[in-house]
Amino acid sequence: MGRWIIIAGLILVAIGSILQFAPGLLNWLGKLPGDMRFESQRSTVFLPVTSMILISIVLTILINLIKR
């Protein structure tokens, strides 16, 4: 359990560093085809379907590589 917490912490530090020092690297996130945005006069609903599928695939591959 401790190993997973350390790995999760390192991933969060990496993502935080990217967001802090190079925010342009993640501009594509949320703007992929399949990410839906519904706007009305009073509200906006954003459904990042494609972005979440892509993130899920990448995390699945990384976790499987770490387990081996």
C-alpha atoms as a PDB file:
ATOM      1  CA  MET A   1       0.000   0.000   0.000  1.00  0.00           C
ATOM      2  CA  GLY A   2       2.812   2.378   0.833  1.00  0.00           C
ATOM      3  CA  ARG A   3       4.405   1.824  -2.566  1.00  0.00           C
ATOM      4  CA  TRP A   4       1.186   2.863  -4.342  1.00  0.00           C
ATOM      5  CA  ILE A   5       0.914   6.021  -2.253  1.00  0.00           C
ATOM      6  CA  ILE A   6       4.492   6.961  -3.138  1.00  0.00           C
ATOM      7  CA  ILE A   7       3.856   6.325  -6.845  1.00  0.00           C
ATOM      8  CA  ALA A   8       0.629   8.360  -6.745  1.00  0.00           C
ATOM      9  CA  GLY A   9       2.491  11.185  -5.018  1.00  0.00           C
ATOM     10  CA  LEU A  10       5.245  11.183  -7.630  1.00  0.00           C
ATOM     11  CA  ILE A  11       2.665  11.276 -10.412  1.00  0.00           C
ATOM     12  CA  LEU A  12       0.915  14.222  -8.753  1.00  0.00           C
ATOM     13  CA  VAL A  13       4.235  16.053  -8.365  1.00  0.00           C
ATOM     14  CA  ALA A  14       5.015  15.475 -12.051  1.00  0.00           C
ATOM     15  CA  ILE A  15       1.603  16.732 -13.162  1.00  0.00           C
ATOM     16  CA  GLY A  16       1.858  19.738 -10.844  1.00  0.00           C
ATOM     17  CA  SER A  17       5.314  20.583 -12.182  1.00  0.00           C
ATOM     18  CA  ILE A  18       4.076  20.420 -15.763  1.00  0.00           C
ATOM     19  CA  LEU A  19       1.120  22.655 -14.944  1.00  0.00           C
ATOM     20  CA  GLN A  20       3.336  25.140 -13.126  1.00  0.00           C
ATOM     21  CA  PHE A  21       6.345  25.371 -15.419  1.00  0.00           C
ATOM     22  CA  ALA A  22       5.035  24.335 -18.868  1.00  0.00           C
ATOM     23  CA  PRO A  23       1.260  24.849 -19.022  1.00  0.00           C
ATOM     24  CA  GLY A  24       1.322  24.877 -22.843  1.00  0.00           C
ATOM     25  CA  LEU A  25       2.061  21.144 -22.914  1.00  0.00           C
ATOM     26  CA  LEU A  26      -1.469  20.294 -21.787  1.00  0.00           C
ATOM     27  CA  ASN A  27      -3.469  22.757 -23.905  1.00  0.00           C
ATOM     28  CA  TRP A  28      -4.868  19.897 -26.000  1.00  0.00           C
ATOM     29  CA  LEU A  29      -6.489  18.287 -22.958  1.00  0.00           C
ATOM     30  CA  GLY A  30     -10.212  18.948 -23.079  1.00  0.00           C
ATOM     31  CA  LYS A  31     -10.188  20.094 -26.697  1.00  0.00           C
ATOM     32  CA  LEU A  32     -10.110  16.715 -28.424  1.00  0.00           C
ATOM     33  CA  PRO A  33     -12.821  15.576 -30.840  1.00  0.00           C
ATOM     34  CA  GLY A  34     -15.441  13.878 -28.717  1.00  0.00           C
ATOM     35  CA  ASP A  35     -15.139  16.277 -25.777  1.00  0.00           C
ATOM     36  CA  MET A  36     -18.608  17.758 -25.525  1.00  0.00           C
ATOM     37  CA  ARG A  37     -19.578  21.212 -24.315  1.00  0.00           C
ATOM     38  CA  PHE A  38     -23.186  22.286 -23.903  1.00  0.00           C
ATOM     39  CA  GLU A  39     -23.838  25.950 -23.223  1.00  0.00           C
ATOM     40  CA  SER A  40     -27.023  27.777 -22.414  1.00  0.00           C
ATOM     41  CA  GLN A  41     -27.667  31.272 -21.125  1.00  0.00           C
ATOM     42  CA  ARG A  42     -27.305  30.266 -17.487  1.00  0.00           C
ATOM     43  CA  SER A  43     -25.033  27.235 -17.443  1.00  0.00           C
ATOM     44  CA  THR A  44     -22.296  25.320 -19.168  1.00  0.00           C
ATOM     45  CA  VAL A  45     -21.838  21.541 -19.058  1.00  0.00           C
ATOM     46  CA  PHE A  46     -18.501  20.086 -20.156  1.00  0.00           C
ATOM     47  CA  LEU A  47     -18.069  16.343 -20.751  1.00  0.00           C
ATOM     48  CA  PRO A  48     -14.447  15.450 -21.589  1.00  0.00           C
ATOM     49  CA  VAL A  49     -15.258  11.937 -22.863  1.00  0.00           C
ATOM     50  CA  THR A  50     -12.332  11.501 -25.260  1.00  0.00           C
ATOM     51  CA  SER A  51      -9.799  13.071 -22.917  1.00  0.00           C
ATOM     52  CA  MET A  52     -10.815  10.763 -20.066  1.00  0.00           C
ATOM     53  CA  ILE A  53     -10.637   7.681 -22.320  1.00  0.00           C
ATOM     54  CA  LEU A  54      -7.133   8.702 -23.416  1.00  0.00           C
ATOM     55  CA  ILE A  55      -6.009   9.288 -19.822  1.00  0.00           C
ATOM     56  CA  SER A  56      -7.495   5.927 -18.793  1.00  0.00           C
ATOM     57  CA  ILE A  57      -5.591   4.097 -21.530  1.00  0.00           C
ATOM     58  CA  VAL A  58      -2.305   5.790 -20.638  1.00  0.00           C
ATOM     59  CA  LEU A  59      -2.725   5.074 -16.916  1.00  0.00           C
ATOM     60  CA  THR A  60      -3.650   1.444 -17.621  1.00  0.00           C
ATOM     61  CA  ILE A  61      -0.482   0.978 -19.669  1.00  0.00           C
ATOM     62  CA  LEU A  62       1.672   2.651 -17.004  1.00  0.00           C
ATOM     63  CA  ILE A  63       0.198   0.588 -14.176  1.00  0.00           C
ATOM     64  CA  ASN A  64       0.675  -2.641 -16.124  1.00  0.00           C
ATOM     65  CA  LEU A  65       4.313  -1.718 -16.821  1.00  0.00           C
ATOM     66  CA  ILE A  66       4.930  -0.924 -13.138  1.00  0.00           C
ATOM     67  CA  LYS A  67       3.368  -4.212 -11.993  1.00  0.00           C
ATOM     68  CA  ARG A  68       5.763  -6.326 -14.083  1.00  0.00           C
END
